[in-house]
mmCIF file of all heavy atoms, coordinates in Angstrom:
data_MODEL
# 
_entry.id   MODEL 
# 
loop_
_atom_site.group_PDB 
_atom_site.id 
_atom_site.type_symbol 
_atom_site.label_atom_id 
_atom_site.label_alt_id 
_atom_site.label_comp_id 
_atom_site.label_asym_id 
_atom_site.label_entity_id 
_atom_site.label_seq_id 
_atom_site.pdbx_PDB_ins_code 
_atom_site.Cartn_x 
_atom_site.Cartn_y 
_atom_site.Cartn_z 
_atom_site.occupancy 
_atom_site.B_iso_or_equiv 
_atom_site.pdbx_formal_charge 
_atom_site.auth_seq_id 
_atom_site.auth_comp_id 
_atom_site.auth_asym_id 
_atom_site.auth_atom_id 
_atom_site.pdbx_PDB_model_num 
ATOM 1   N N   . THR A 1 1  ? -11.943 14.511  -9.257  1.00 0.00 ? 1  THR A N   1 
ATOM 2   C CA  . THR A 1 1  ? -10.543 14.901  -9.113  1.00 0.00 ? 1  THR A CA  1 
ATOM 3   C C   . THR A 1 1  ? -10.193 15.128  -7.670  1.00 0.00 ? 1  THR A C   1 
ATOM 4   O O   . THR A 1 1  ? -9.091  15.546  -7.339  1.00 0.00 ? 1  THR A O   1 
ATOM 5   C CB  . THR A 1 1  ? -10.260 16.182  -9.941  1.00 0.00 ? 1  THR A CB  1 
ATOM 6   O OG1 . THR A 1 1  ? -11.077 17.253  -9.455  1.00 0.00 ? 1  THR A OG1 1 
ATOM 7   C CG2 . THR A 1 1  ? -10.530 15.941  -11.375 1.00 0.00 ? 1  THR A CG2 1 
ATOM 8   N N   . VAL A 1 2  ? -11.231 14.908  -6.783  1.00 0.00 ? 2  VAL A N   1 
ATOM 9   C CA  . VAL A 1 2  ? -10.944 15.153  -5.338  1.00 0.00 ? 2  VAL A CA  1 
ATOM 10  C C   . VAL A 1 2  ? -10.295 13.900  -4.869  1.00 0.00 ? 2  VAL A C   1 
ATOM 11  O O   . VAL A 1 2  ? -10.658 12.732  -5.080  1.00 0.00 ? 2  VAL A O   1 
ATOM 12  C CB  . VAL A 1 2  ? -12.267 15.467  -4.636  1.00 0.00 ? 2  VAL A CB  1 
ATOM 13  C CG1 . VAL A 1 2  ? -12.038 15.562  -3.133  1.00 0.00 ? 2  VAL A CG1 1 
ATOM 14  C CG2 . VAL A 1 2  ? -12.880 16.675  -5.174  1.00 0.00 ? 2  VAL A CG2 1 
ATOM 15  N N   . GLY A 1 3  ? -9.175  14.096  -3.911  1.00 0.00 ? 3  GLY A N   1 
ATOM 16  C CA  . GLY A 1 3  ? -8.547  12.931  -3.268  1.00 0.00 ? 3  GLY A CA  1 
ATOM 17  C C   . GLY A 1 3  ? -7.477  12.379  -4.163  1.00 0.00 ? 3  GLY A C   1 
ATOM 18  O O   . GLY A 1 3  ? -7.248  12.799  -5.282  1.00 0.00 ? 3  GLY A O   1 
ATOM 19  N N   . PRO A 1 4  ? -6.809  11.421  -3.580  1.00 0.00 ? 4  PRO A N   1 
ATOM 20  C CA  . PRO A 1 4  ? -5.665  10.804  -4.375  1.00 0.00 ? 4  PRO A CA  1 
ATOM 21  C C   . PRO A 1 4  ? -6.124  9.980   -5.583  1.00 0.00 ? 4  PRO A C   1 
ATOM 22  O O   . PRO A 1 4  ? -7.251  9.457   -5.615  1.00 0.00 ? 4  PRO A O   1 
ATOM 23  C CB  . PRO A 1 4  ? -5.047  9.857   -3.259  1.00 0.00 ? 4  PRO A CB  1 
ATOM 24  C CG  . PRO A 1 4  ? -6.147  9.556   -2.345  1.00 0.00 ? 4  PRO A CG  1 
ATOM 25  C CD  . PRO A 1 4  ? -6.988  10.806  -2.301  1.00 0.00 ? 4  PRO A CD  1 
ATOM 26  N N   . ASP A 1 5  ? -5.183  9.935   -6.573  1.00 0.00 ? 5  ASP A N   1 
ATOM 27  C CA  . ASP A 1 5  ? -5.549  9.174   -7.824  1.00 0.00 ? 5  ASP A CA  1 
ATOM 28  C C   . ASP A 1 5  ? -5.173  7.658   -7.533  1.00 0.00 ? 5  ASP A C   1 
ATOM 29  O O   . ASP A 1 5  ? -4.627  7.345   -6.525  1.00 0.00 ? 5  ASP A O   1 
ATOM 30  C CB  . ASP A 1 5  ? -4.897  9.750   -8.926  1.00 0.00 ? 5  ASP A CB  1 
ATOM 31  C CG  . ASP A 1 5  ? -3.309  9.792   -8.827  1.00 0.00 ? 5  ASP A CG  1 
ATOM 32  O OD1 . ASP A 1 5  ? -2.770  9.187   -7.947  1.00 0.00 ? 5  ASP A OD1 1 
ATOM 33  O OD2 . ASP A 1 5  ? -2.777  10.565  -9.630  1.00 0.00 ? 5  ASP A OD2 1 
ATOM 34  N N   . GLY A 1 6  ? -5.377  6.956   -8.662  1.00 0.00 ? 6  GLY A N   1 
ATOM 35  C CA  . GLY A 1 6  ? -4.998  5.449   -8.504  1.00 0.00 ? 6  GLY A CA  1 
ATOM 36  C C   . GLY A 1 6  ? -3.580  5.216   -8.189  1.00 0.00 ? 6  GLY A C   1 
ATOM 37  O O   . GLY A 1 6  ? -3.278  4.297   -7.512  1.00 0.00 ? 6  GLY A O   1 
ATOM 38  N N   . GLY A 1 7  ? -2.702  6.053   -8.739  1.00 0.00 ? 7  GLY A N   1 
ATOM 39  C CA  . GLY A 1 7  ? -1.282  5.814   -8.524  1.00 0.00 ? 7  GLY A CA  1 
ATOM 40  C C   . GLY A 1 7  ? -0.892  6.010   -7.033  1.00 0.00 ? 7  GLY A C   1 
ATOM 41  O O   . GLY A 1 7  ? -0.119  5.233   -6.539  1.00 0.00 ? 7  GLY A O   1 
ATOM 42  N N   . VAL A 1 8  ? -1.416  7.071   -6.416  1.00 0.00 ? 8  VAL A N   1 
ATOM 43  C CA  . VAL A 1 8  ? -1.142  7.297   -5.113  1.00 0.00 ? 8  VAL A CA  1 
ATOM 44  C C   . VAL A 1 8  ? -1.771  6.171   -4.174  1.00 0.00 ? 8  VAL A C   1 
ATOM 45  O O   . VAL A 1 8  ? -1.119  5.740   -3.278  1.00 0.00 ? 8  VAL A O   1 
ATOM 46  C CB  . VAL A 1 8  ? -1.692  8.646   -4.632  1.00 0.00 ? 8  VAL A CB  1 
ATOM 47  C CG1 . VAL A 1 8  ? -1.550  8.861   -3.133  1.00 0.00 ? 8  VAL A CG1 1 
ATOM 48  C CG2 . VAL A 1 8  ? -1.050  9.812   -5.393  1.00 0.00 ? 8  VAL A CG2 1 
ATOM 49  N N   . ILE A 1 9  ? -2.917  5.748   -4.473  1.00 0.00 ? 9  ILE A N   1 
ATOM 50  C CA  . ILE A 1 9  ? -3.542  4.607   -3.669  1.00 0.00 ? 9  ILE A CA  1 
ATOM 51  C C   . ILE A 1 9  ? -2.733  3.362   -3.838  1.00 0.00 ? 9  ILE A C   1 
ATOM 52  O O   . ILE A 1 9  ? -2.554  2.638   -2.901  1.00 0.00 ? 9  ILE A O   1 
ATOM 53  C CB  . ILE A 1 9  ? -5.027  4.422   -4.120  1.00 0.00 ? 9  ILE A CB  1 
ATOM 54  C CG1 . ILE A 1 9  ? -5.865  5.659   -3.726  1.00 0.00 ? 9  ILE A CG1 1 
ATOM 55  C CG2 . ILE A 1 9  ? -5.588  3.189   -3.556  1.00 0.00 ? 9  ILE A CG2 1 
ATOM 56  C CD1 . ILE A 1 9  ? -7.237  5.616   -4.239  1.00 0.00 ? 9  ILE A CD1 1 
ATOM 57  N N   . ALA A 1 10 ? -2.299  3.080   -5.096  1.00 0.00 ? 10 ALA A N   1 
ATOM 58  C CA  . ALA A 1 10 ? -1.443  1.916   -5.259  1.00 0.00 ? 10 ALA A CA  1 
ATOM 59  C C   . ALA A 1 10 ? -0.167  1.962   -4.414  1.00 0.00 ? 10 ALA A C   1 
ATOM 60  O O   . ALA A 1 10 ? 0.376   0.939   -3.891  1.00 0.00 ? 10 ALA A O   1 
ATOM 61  C CB  . ALA A 1 10 ? -1.222  1.703   -6.802  1.00 0.00 ? 10 ALA A CB  1 
ATOM 62  N N   . ALA A 1 11 ? 0.389   3.142   -4.430  1.00 0.00 ? 11 ALA A N   1 
ATOM 63  C CA  . ALA A 1 11 ? 1.695   3.254   -3.682  1.00 0.00 ? 11 ALA A CA  1 
ATOM 64  C C   . ALA A 1 11 ? 1.475   3.113   -2.149  1.00 0.00 ? 11 ALA A C   1 
ATOM 65  O O   . ALA A 1 11 ? 2.253   2.409   -1.484  1.00 0.00 ? 11 ALA A O   1 
ATOM 66  C CB  . ALA A 1 11 ? 2.287   4.707   -3.937  1.00 0.00 ? 11 ALA A CB  1 
ATOM 67  N N   . GLN A 1 12 ? 0.296   3.631   -1.639  1.00 0.00 ? 12 GLN A N   1 
ATOM 68  C CA  . GLN A 1 12 ? 0.011   3.443   -0.245  1.00 0.00 ? 12 GLN A CA  1 
ATOM 69  C C   . GLN A 1 12 ? -0.218  1.915   0.021   1.00 0.00 ? 12 GLN A C   1 
ATOM 70  O O   . GLN A 1 12 ? 0.199   1.288   1.020   1.00 0.00 ? 12 GLN A O   1 
ATOM 71  C CB  . GLN A 1 12 ? -1.294  4.274   0.077   1.00 0.00 ? 12 GLN A CB  1 
ATOM 72  C CG  . GLN A 1 12 ? -1.060  5.718   0.146   1.00 0.00 ? 12 GLN A CG  1 
ATOM 73  C CD  . GLN A 1 12 ? -2.458  6.403   0.376   1.00 0.00 ? 12 GLN A CD  1 
ATOM 74  O OE1 . GLN A 1 12 ? -3.437  5.819   0.489   1.00 0.00 ? 12 GLN A OE1 1 
ATOM 75  N NE2 . GLN A 1 12 ? -2.359  7.793   0.531   1.00 0.00 ? 12 GLN A NE2 1 
ATOM 76  N N   . ALA A 1 13 ? -0.925  1.299   -0.915  1.00 0.00 ? 13 ALA A N   1 
ATOM 77  C CA  . ALA A 1 13 ? -1.123  -0.218  -0.745  1.00 0.00 ? 13 ALA A CA  1 
ATOM 78  C C   . ALA A 1 13 ? 0.097   -0.979  -0.798  1.00 0.00 ? 13 ALA A C   1 
ATOM 79  O O   . ALA A 1 13 ? 0.376   -1.967  -0.059  1.00 0.00 ? 13 ALA A O   1 
ATOM 80  C CB  . ALA A 1 13 ? -2.084  -0.669  -1.825  1.00 0.00 ? 13 ALA A CB  1 
ATOM 81  N N   . GLU A 1 14 ? 1.045   -0.653  -1.608  1.00 0.00 ? 14 GLU A N   1 
ATOM 82  C CA  . GLU A 1 14 ? 2.358   -1.342  -1.745  1.00 0.00 ? 14 GLU A CA  1 
ATOM 83  C C   . GLU A 1 14 ? 3.109   -1.230  -0.361  1.00 0.00 ? 14 GLU A C   1 
ATOM 84  O O   . GLU A 1 14 ? 3.716   -2.209  0.081   1.00 0.00 ? 14 GLU A O   1 
ATOM 85  C CB  . GLU A 1 14 ? 3.231   -0.756  -2.788  1.00 0.00 ? 14 GLU A CB  1 
ATOM 86  C CG  . GLU A 1 14 ? 2.804   -1.055  -4.285  1.00 0.00 ? 14 GLU A CG  1 
ATOM 87  C CD  . GLU A 1 14 ? 3.188   -2.508  -4.612  1.00 0.00 ? 14 GLU A CD  1 
ATOM 88  O OE1 . GLU A 1 14 ? 3.949   -3.141  -3.874  1.00 0.00 ? 14 GLU A OE1 1 
ATOM 89  O OE2 . GLU A 1 14 ? 2.701   -2.981  -5.668  1.00 0.00 ? 14 GLU A OE2 1 
ATOM 90  N N   . VAL A 1 15 ? 3.161   -0.042  0.230   1.00 0.00 ? 15 VAL A N   1 
ATOM 91  C CA  . VAL A 1 15 ? 3.850   0.140   1.507   1.00 0.00 ? 15 VAL A CA  1 
ATOM 92  C C   . VAL A 1 15 ? 3.151   -0.689  2.550   1.00 0.00 ? 15 VAL A C   1 
ATOM 93  O O   . VAL A 1 15 ? 3.841   -1.370  3.362   1.00 0.00 ? 15 VAL A O   1 
ATOM 94  C CB  . VAL A 1 15 ? 3.903   1.651   1.863   1.00 0.00 ? 15 VAL A CB  1 
ATOM 95  C CG1 . VAL A 1 15 ? 4.426   1.831   3.265   1.00 0.00 ? 15 VAL A CG1 1 
ATOM 96  C CG2 . VAL A 1 15 ? 4.749   2.429   0.882   1.00 0.00 ? 15 VAL A CG2 1 
ATOM 97  N N   . MET A 1 16 ? 1.840   -0.662  2.596   1.00 0.00 ? 16 MET A N   1 
ATOM 98  C CA  . MET A 1 16 ? 1.141   -1.363  3.614   1.00 0.00 ? 16 MET A CA  1 
ATOM 99  C C   . MET A 1 16 ? 1.344   -2.905  3.424   1.00 0.00 ? 16 MET A C   1 
ATOM 100 O O   . MET A 1 16 ? 1.620   -3.636  4.446   1.00 0.00 ? 16 MET A O   1 
ATOM 101 C CB  . MET A 1 16 ? -0.341  -1.068  3.491   1.00 0.00 ? 16 MET A CB  1 
ATOM 102 C CG  . MET A 1 16 ? -1.308  -1.716  4.525   1.00 0.00 ? 16 MET A CG  1 
ATOM 103 S SD  . MET A 1 16 ? -1.039  -1.207  6.187   1.00 0.00 ? 16 MET A SD  1 
ATOM 104 C CE  . MET A 1 16 ? -2.265  -2.130  6.936   1.00 0.00 ? 16 MET A CE  1 
ATOM 105 N N   . TRP A 1 17 ? 1.136   -3.425  2.171   1.00 0.00 ? 17 TRP A N   1 
ATOM 106 C CA  . TRP A 1 17 ? 1.253   -4.794  1.962   1.00 0.00 ? 17 TRP A CA  1 
ATOM 107 C C   . TRP A 1 17 ? 2.697   -5.329  2.255   1.00 0.00 ? 17 TRP A C   1 
ATOM 108 O O   . TRP A 1 17 ? 2.866   -6.517  2.738   1.00 0.00 ? 17 TRP A O   1 
ATOM 109 C CB  . TRP A 1 17 ? 0.870   -5.144  0.569   1.00 0.00 ? 17 TRP A CB  1 
ATOM 110 C CG  . TRP A 1 17 ? 1.059   -6.540  0.201   1.00 0.00 ? 17 TRP A CG  1 
ATOM 111 C CD1 . TRP A 1 17 ? 1.833   -7.017  -0.812  1.00 0.00 ? 17 TRP A CD1 1 
ATOM 112 C CD2 . TRP A 1 17 ? 0.535   -7.746  0.781   1.00 0.00 ? 17 TRP A CD2 1 
ATOM 113 N NE1 . TRP A 1 17 ? 1.741   -8.386  -0.870  1.00 0.00 ? 17 TRP A NE1 1 
ATOM 114 C CE2 . TRP A 1 17 ? 1.015   -8.867  0.190   1.00 0.00 ? 17 TRP A CE2 1 
ATOM 115 C CE3 . TRP A 1 17 ? -0.249  -7.893  1.928   1.00 0.00 ? 17 TRP A CE3 1 
ATOM 116 C CZ2 . TRP A 1 17 ? 0.729   -10.116 0.580   1.00 0.00 ? 17 TRP A CZ2 1 
ATOM 117 C CZ3 . TRP A 1 17 ? -0.601  -9.155  2.395   1.00 0.00 ? 17 TRP A CZ3 1 
ATOM 118 C CH2 . TRP A 1 17 ? -0.111  -10.344 1.701   1.00 0.00 ? 17 TRP A CH2 1 
ATOM 119 N N   . GLY A 1 18 ? 3.674   -4.548  1.997   1.00 0.00 ? 18 GLY A N   1 
ATOM 120 C CA  . GLY A 1 18 ? 5.044   -4.908  2.254   1.00 0.00 ? 18 GLY A CA  1 
ATOM 121 C C   . GLY A 1 18 ? 5.287   -5.259  3.792   1.00 0.00 ? 18 GLY A C   1 
ATOM 122 O O   . GLY A 1 18 ? 5.826   -6.221  4.177   1.00 0.00 ? 18 GLY A O   1 
ATOM 123 N N   . GLN A 1 19 ? 4.697   -4.365  4.615   1.00 0.00 ? 19 GLN A N   1 
ATOM 124 C CA  . GLN A 1 19 ? 4.734   -4.594  6.076   1.00 0.00 ? 19 GLN A CA  1 
ATOM 125 C C   . GLN A 1 19 ? 4.004   -5.846  6.510   1.00 0.00 ? 19 GLN A C   1 
ATOM 126 O O   . GLN A 1 19 ? 4.502   -6.573  7.355   1.00 0.00 ? 19 GLN A O   1 
ATOM 127 C CB  . GLN A 1 19 ? 4.305   -3.363  6.855   1.00 0.00 ? 19 GLN A CB  1 
ATOM 128 C CG  . GLN A 1 19 ? 5.138   -2.067  6.461   1.00 0.00 ? 19 GLN A CG  1 
ATOM 129 C CD  . GLN A 1 19 ? 4.454   -0.852  7.140   1.00 0.00 ? 19 GLN A CD  1 
ATOM 130 O OE1 . GLN A 1 19 ? 3.949   -0.971  8.342   1.00 0.00 ? 19 GLN A OE1 1 
ATOM 131 N NE2 . GLN A 1 19 ? 4.479   0.222   6.506   1.00 0.00 ? 19 GLN A NE2 1 
ATOM 132 N N   . VAL A 1 20 ? 2.773   -5.945  5.933   1.00 0.00 ? 20 VAL A N   1 
ATOM 133 C CA  . VAL A 1 20 ? 1.995   -7.127  6.350   1.00 0.00 ? 20 VAL A CA  1 
ATOM 134 C C   . VAL A 1 20 ? 2.601   -8.417  5.821   1.00 0.00 ? 20 VAL A C   1 
ATOM 135 O O   . VAL A 1 20 ? 2.562   -9.405  6.688   1.00 0.00 ? 20 VAL A O   1 
ATOM 136 C CB  . VAL A 1 20 ? 0.530   -6.960  5.663   1.00 0.00 ? 20 VAL A CB  1 
ATOM 137 C CG1 . VAL A 1 20 ? -0.292  -8.178  5.956   1.00 0.00 ? 20 VAL A CG1 1 
ATOM 138 C CG2 . VAL A 1 20 ? -0.157  -5.751  6.254   1.00 0.00 ? 20 VAL A CG2 1 
ATOM 139 N N   . ARG A 1 21 ? 3.144   -8.440  4.702   1.00 0.00 ? 21 ARG A N   1 
ATOM 140 C CA  . ARG A 1 21 ? 3.752   -9.691  4.220   1.00 0.00 ? 21 ARG A CA  1 
ATOM 141 C C   . ARG A 1 21 ? 4.936   -10.125 5.104   1.00 0.00 ? 21 ARG A C   1 
ATOM 142 O O   . ARG A 1 21 ? 5.129   -11.280 5.332   1.00 0.00 ? 21 ARG A O   1 
ATOM 143 C CB  . ARG A 1 21 ? 4.250   -9.532  2.794   1.00 0.00 ? 21 ARG A CB  1 
ATOM 144 C CG  . ARG A 1 21 ? 4.621   -10.845 2.119   1.00 0.00 ? 21 ARG A CG  1 
ATOM 145 C CD  . ARG A 1 21 ? 5.039   -10.659 0.646   1.00 0.00 ? 21 ARG A CD  1 
ATOM 146 N NE  . ARG A 1 21 ? 5.308   -11.827 0.022   1.00 0.00 ? 21 ARG A NE  1 
ATOM 147 C CZ  . ARG A 1 21 ? 6.399   -12.610 0.146   1.00 0.00 ? 21 ARG A CZ  1 
ATOM 148 N NH1 . ARG A 1 21 ? 7.362   -12.229 1.063   1.00 0.00 ? 21 ARG A NH1 1 
ATOM 149 N NH2 . ARG A 1 21 ? 6.510   -13.780 -0.466  1.00 0.00 ? 21 ARG A NH2 1 
ATOM 150 N N   . ILE A 1 22 ? 5.753   -9.181  5.532   1.00 0.00 ? 22 ILE A N   1 
ATOM 151 C CA  . ILE A 1 22 ? 6.940   -9.475  6.367   1.00 0.00 ? 22 ILE A CA  1 
ATOM 152 C C   . ILE A 1 22 ? 6.401   -10.037 7.664   1.00 0.00 ? 22 ILE A C   1 
ATOM 153 O O   . ILE A 1 22 ? 6.929   -11.038 8.177   1.00 0.00 ? 22 ILE A O   1 
ATOM 154 C CB  . ILE A 1 22 ? 7.799   -8.276  6.641   1.00 0.00 ? 22 ILE A CB  1 
ATOM 155 C CG1 . ILE A 1 22 ? 8.471   -7.898  5.291   1.00 0.00 ? 22 ILE A CG1 1 
ATOM 156 C CG2 . ILE A 1 22 ? 8.856   -8.479  7.731   1.00 0.00 ? 22 ILE A CG2 1 
ATOM 157 C CD1 . ILE A 1 22 ? 9.291   -6.568  5.357   1.00 0.00 ? 22 ILE A CD1 1 
ATOM 158 N N   . ALA A 1 23 ? 5.363   -9.426  8.337   1.00 0.00 ? 23 ALA A N   1 
ATOM 159 C CA  . ALA A 1 23 ? 4.883   -9.904  9.556   1.00 0.00 ? 23 ALA A CA  1 
ATOM 160 C C   . ALA A 1 23 ? 4.236   -11.284 9.418   1.00 0.00 ? 23 ALA A C   1 
ATOM 161 O O   . ALA A 1 23 ? 4.452   -12.116 10.219  1.00 0.00 ? 23 ALA A O   1 
ATOM 162 C CB  . ALA A 1 23 ? 3.780   -8.934  10.075  1.00 0.00 ? 23 ALA A CB  1 
ATOM 163 N N   . SER A 1 24 ? 3.615   -11.600 8.278   1.00 0.00 ? 24 SER A N   1 
ATOM 164 C CA  . SER A 1 24 ? 3.023   -12.870 8.011   1.00 0.00 ? 24 SER A CA  1 
ATOM 165 C C   . SER A 1 24 ? 4.147   -13.949 7.888   1.00 0.00 ? 24 SER A C   1 
ATOM 166 O O   . SER A 1 24 ? 3.990   -15.091 8.317   1.00 0.00 ? 24 SER A O   1 
ATOM 167 C CB  . SER A 1 24 ? 2.095   -12.930 6.826   1.00 0.00 ? 24 SER A CB  1 
ATOM 168 O OG  . SER A 1 24 ? 1.004   -12.023 6.978   1.00 0.00 ? 24 SER A OG  1 
ATOM 169 N N   . GLN A 1 25 ? 5.220   -13.570 7.183   1.00 0.00 ? 25 GLN A N   1 
ATOM 170 C CA  . GLN A 1 25 ? 6.373   -14.485 6.979   1.00 0.00 ? 25 GLN A CA  1 
ATOM 171 C C   . GLN A 1 25 ? 6.949   -14.778 8.359   1.00 0.00 ? 25 GLN A C   1 
ATOM 172 O O   . GLN A 1 25 ? 7.228   -16.015 8.688   1.00 0.00 ? 25 GLN A O   1 
ATOM 173 C CB  . GLN A 1 25 ? 7.393   -13.832 6.151   1.00 0.00 ? 25 GLN A CB  1 
ATOM 174 C CG  . GLN A 1 25 ? 8.691   -14.724 5.958   1.00 0.00 ? 25 GLN A CG  1 
ATOM 175 C CD  . GLN A 1 25 ? 8.418   -15.919 5.090   1.00 0.00 ? 25 GLN A CD  1 
ATOM 176 O OE1 . GLN A 1 25 ? 8.227   -15.786 3.897   1.00 0.00 ? 25 GLN A OE1 1 
ATOM 177 N NE2 . GLN A 1 25 ? 8.347   -17.036 5.700   1.00 0.00 ? 25 GLN A NE2 1 
ATOM 178 N N   . VAL A 1 26 ? 7.083   -13.852 9.211   1.00 0.00 ? 26 VAL A N   1 
ATOM 179 C CA  . VAL A 1 26 ? 7.728   -14.112 10.508  1.00 0.00 ? 26 VAL A CA  1 
ATOM 180 C C   . VAL A 1 26 ? 6.740   -15.034 11.363  1.00 0.00 ? 26 VAL A C   1 
ATOM 181 O O   . VAL A 1 26 ? 7.187   -15.955 12.063  1.00 0.00 ? 26 VAL A O   1 
ATOM 182 C CB  . VAL A 1 26 ? 7.922   -12.840 11.411  1.00 0.00 ? 26 VAL A CB  1 
ATOM 183 C CG1 . VAL A 1 26 ? 8.295   -13.118 12.833  1.00 0.00 ? 26 VAL A CG1 1 
ATOM 184 C CG2 . VAL A 1 26 ? 9.040   -11.989 10.635  1.00 0.00 ? 26 VAL A CG2 1 
# 
């Protein structure tokens, strides 16, 4: 139970991947 659960990790990944995808598109 220590640390973020799967939902928090997935949310962090969504934010990160959204930025990476925009940069790759450019």
